[in-house]
Amino acid sequence: MIYPLARLKSVEGEDDSLKFTFDTAAGVDTVSVTLSDESDELLAMQAVAQVINAHPHSDGVCVIADDEAGAYAHSSMTAVGAAS
């Protein structure tokens, strides 16, 4: 799933995960990104901020977590959950 950054409401660090909350036409979607055991959630959030603020974005897309491509903003990220 792709979400516009303008719709990002919050990123919260939880026990071994980051929870991203987005405004959507249907209300609110929450997506969890799993982190490896005993990861530092703050370091993962800082990596996300660096990806978002990096320039230029030649194709307009910032990849935070992509299970298909195995691409993640931080090395502690291991999987992305379904939107709920």
C-alpha atoms as a PDB file:
ATOM      1  CA  MET A   1       0.000   0.000   0.000  1.00  0.00           C
ATOM      2  CA  ILE A   2       1.227   3.505  -0.752  1.00  0.00           C
ATOM      3  CA  TYR A   3       0.206   6.443   1.422  1.00  0.00           C
ATOM      4  CA  PRO A   4       0.907  10.125   0.736  1.00  0.00           C
ATOM      5  CA  LEU A   5       3.213  11.664   3.341  1.00  0.00           C
ATOM      6  CA  ALA A   6       0.774  14.550   3.638  1.00  0.00           C
ATOM      7  CA  ARG A   7      -1.664  12.033   5.184  1.00  0.00           C
ATOM      8  CA  LEU A   8       0.782  10.819   7.860  1.00  0.00           C
ATOM      9  CA  LYS A   9      -0.646  11.711  11.278  1.00  0.00           C
ATOM     10  CA  SER A  10       1.857  10.018  13.563  1.00  0.00           C
ATOM     11  CA  VAL A  11       4.618   7.474  14.021  1.00  0.00           C
ATOM     12  CA  GLU A  12       4.733   5.767  17.400  1.00  0.00           C
ATOM     13  CA  GLY A  13       7.408   3.468  18.733  1.00  0.00           C
ATOM     14  CA  GLU A  14       6.042   0.340  20.374  1.00  0.00           C
ATOM     15  CA  ASP A  15       7.669  -2.824  21.682  1.00  0.00           C
ATOM     16  CA  ASP A  16       9.648  -4.018  18.635  1.00  0.00           C
ATOM     17  CA  SER A  17       7.516  -2.119  16.111  1.00  0.00           C
ATOM     18  CA  LEU A  18       6.646   1.273  14.697  1.00  0.00           C
ATOM     19  CA  LYS A  19       2.987   2.200  14.230  1.00  0.00           C
ATOM     20  CA  PHE A  20       2.218   4.599  11.350  1.00  0.00           C
ATOM     21  CA  THR A  21      -1.198   6.303  11.365  1.00  0.00           C
ATOM     22  CA  PHE A  22      -2.621   7.890   8.216  1.00  0.00           C
ATOM     23  CA  ASP A  23      -5.760   9.925   7.461  1.00  0.00           C
ATOM     24  CA  THR A  24      -7.713   8.293   4.642  1.00  0.00           C
ATOM     25  CA  ALA A  25     -10.984   8.952   2.840  1.00  0.00           C
ATOM     26  CA  ALA A  26     -12.511   6.121   4.890  1.00  0.00           C
ATOM     27  CA  GLY A  27     -11.152   7.401   8.223  1.00  0.00           C
ATOM     28  CA  VAL A  28      -7.815   6.306   9.652  1.00  0.00           C
ATOM     29  CA  ASP A  29      -5.449   3.490   8.639  1.00  0.00           C
ATOM     30  CA  THR A  30      -2.769   2.122  10.933  1.00  0.00           C
ATOM     31  CA  VAL A  31       0.213   0.197   9.590  1.00  0.00           C
ATOM     32  CA  SER A  32       2.744  -1.544  11.843  1.00  0.00           C
ATOM     33  CA  VAL A  33       6.328  -2.168  10.802  1.00  0.00           C
ATOM     34  CA  THR A  34       7.959  -4.965  12.789  1.00  0.00           C
ATOM     35  CA  LEU A  35      11.432  -4.404  14.219  1.00  0.00           C
ATOM     36  CA  SER A  36      13.908  -7.080  15.248  1.00  0.00           C
ATOM     37  CA  ASP A  37      13.927  -8.080  18.925  1.00  0.00           C
ATOM     38  CA  GLU A  38      15.309  -5.492  21.340  1.00  0.00           C
ATOM     39  CA  SER A  39      15.588  -2.837  18.612  1.00  0.00           C
ATOM     40  CA  ASP A  40      15.834   0.843  19.417  1.00  0.00           C
ATOM     41  CA  GLU A  41      12.552   2.301  18.154  1.00  0.00           C
ATOM     42  CA  LEU A  42      13.986   5.838  18.268  1.00  0.00           C
ATOM     43  CA  LEU A  43      16.809   4.910  15.868  1.00  0.00           C
ATOM     44  CA  ALA A  44      14.280   3.391  13.471  1.00  0.00           C
ATOM     45  CA  MET A  45      12.114   6.541  13.667  1.00  0.00           C
ATOM     46  CA  GLN A  46      15.182   8.702  12.986  1.00  0.00           C
ATOM     47  CA  ALA A  47      15.939   6.597   9.890  1.00  0.00           C
ATOM     48  CA  VAL A  48      12.361   7.132   8.689  1.00  0.00           C
ATOM     49  CA  ALA A  49      12.739  10.901   9.153  1.00  0.00           C
ATOM     50  CA  GLN A  50      15.998  10.848   7.190  1.00  0.00           C
ATOM     51  CA  VAL A  51      14.359   9.001   4.289  1.00  0.00           C
ATOM     52  CA  ILE A  52      11.436  11.438   4.265  1.00  0.00           C
ATOM     53  CA  ASN A  53      13.737  14.469   4.346  1.00  0.00           C
ATOM     54  CA  ALA A  54      16.285  13.179   1.818  1.00  0.00           C
ATOM     55  CA  HIS A  55      16.314  14.983  -1.500  1.00  0.00           C
ATOM     56  CA  PRO A  56      15.784  14.677  -4.339  1.00  0.00           C
ATOM     57  CA  HIS A  57      12.957  12.158  -4.572  1.00  0.00           C
ATOM     58  CA  SER A  58      13.281  11.590  -8.314  1.00  0.00           C
ATOM     59  CA  ASP A  59      10.130   9.489  -8.567  1.00  0.00           C
ATOM     60  CA  GLY A  60       8.230  11.097  -5.675  1.00  0.00           C
ATOM     61  CA  VAL A  61       8.279   7.903  -3.586  1.00  0.00           C
ATOM     62  CA  CYS A  62       9.934   7.402  -0.191  1.00  0.00           C
ATOM     63  CA  VAL A  63      10.245   3.717   0.655  1.00  0.00           C
ATOM     64  CA  ILE A  64       9.880   3.088   4.370  1.00  0.00           C
ATOM     65  CA  ALA A  65       9.098  -0.647   4.281  1.00  0.00           C
ATOM     66  CA  ASP A  66       8.682  -2.904   1.241  1.00  0.00           C
ATOM     67  CA  ASP A  67       8.460  -6.637   1.953  1.00  0.00           C
ATOM     68  CA  GLU A  68       8.362  -7.573  -1.751  1.00  0.00           C
ATOM     69  CA  ALA A  69      11.647  -5.798  -2.537  1.00  0.00           C
ATOM     70  CA  GLY A  70      13.191  -6.424   0.884  1.00  0.00           C
ATOM     71  CA  ALA A  71      13.790  -2.665   1.212  1.00  0.00           C
ATOM     72  CA  TYR A  72      13.523  -0.965   4.585  1.00  0.00           C
ATOM     73  CA  ALA A  73      14.445   2.474   5.908  1.00  0.00           C
ATOM     74  CA  HIS A  74      16.383   0.918   8.810  1.00  0.00           C
ATOM     75  CA  SER A  75      18.231  -2.369   9.232  1.00  0.00           C
ATOM     76  CA  SER A  76      16.096  -3.345  12.265  1.00  0.00           C
ATOM     77  CA  MET A  77      12.888  -3.357  10.174  1.00  0.00           C
ATOM     78  CA  THR A  78      11.838  -6.898   9.274  1.00  0.00           C
ATOM     79  CA  ALA A  79       8.248  -6.774   7.961  1.00  0.00           C
ATOM     80  CA  VAL A  80       5.265  -4.568   7.314  1.00  0.00           C
ATOM     81  CA  GLY A  81       1.792  -5.519   8.478  1.00  0.00           C
ATOM     82  CA  ALA A  82      -1.565  -5.080   6.769  1.00  0.00           C
ATOM     83  CA  ALA A  83      -3.374  -1.780   7.146  1.00  0.00           C
ATOM     84  CA  SER A  84      -6.131  -1.769   9.715  1.00  0.00           C
END
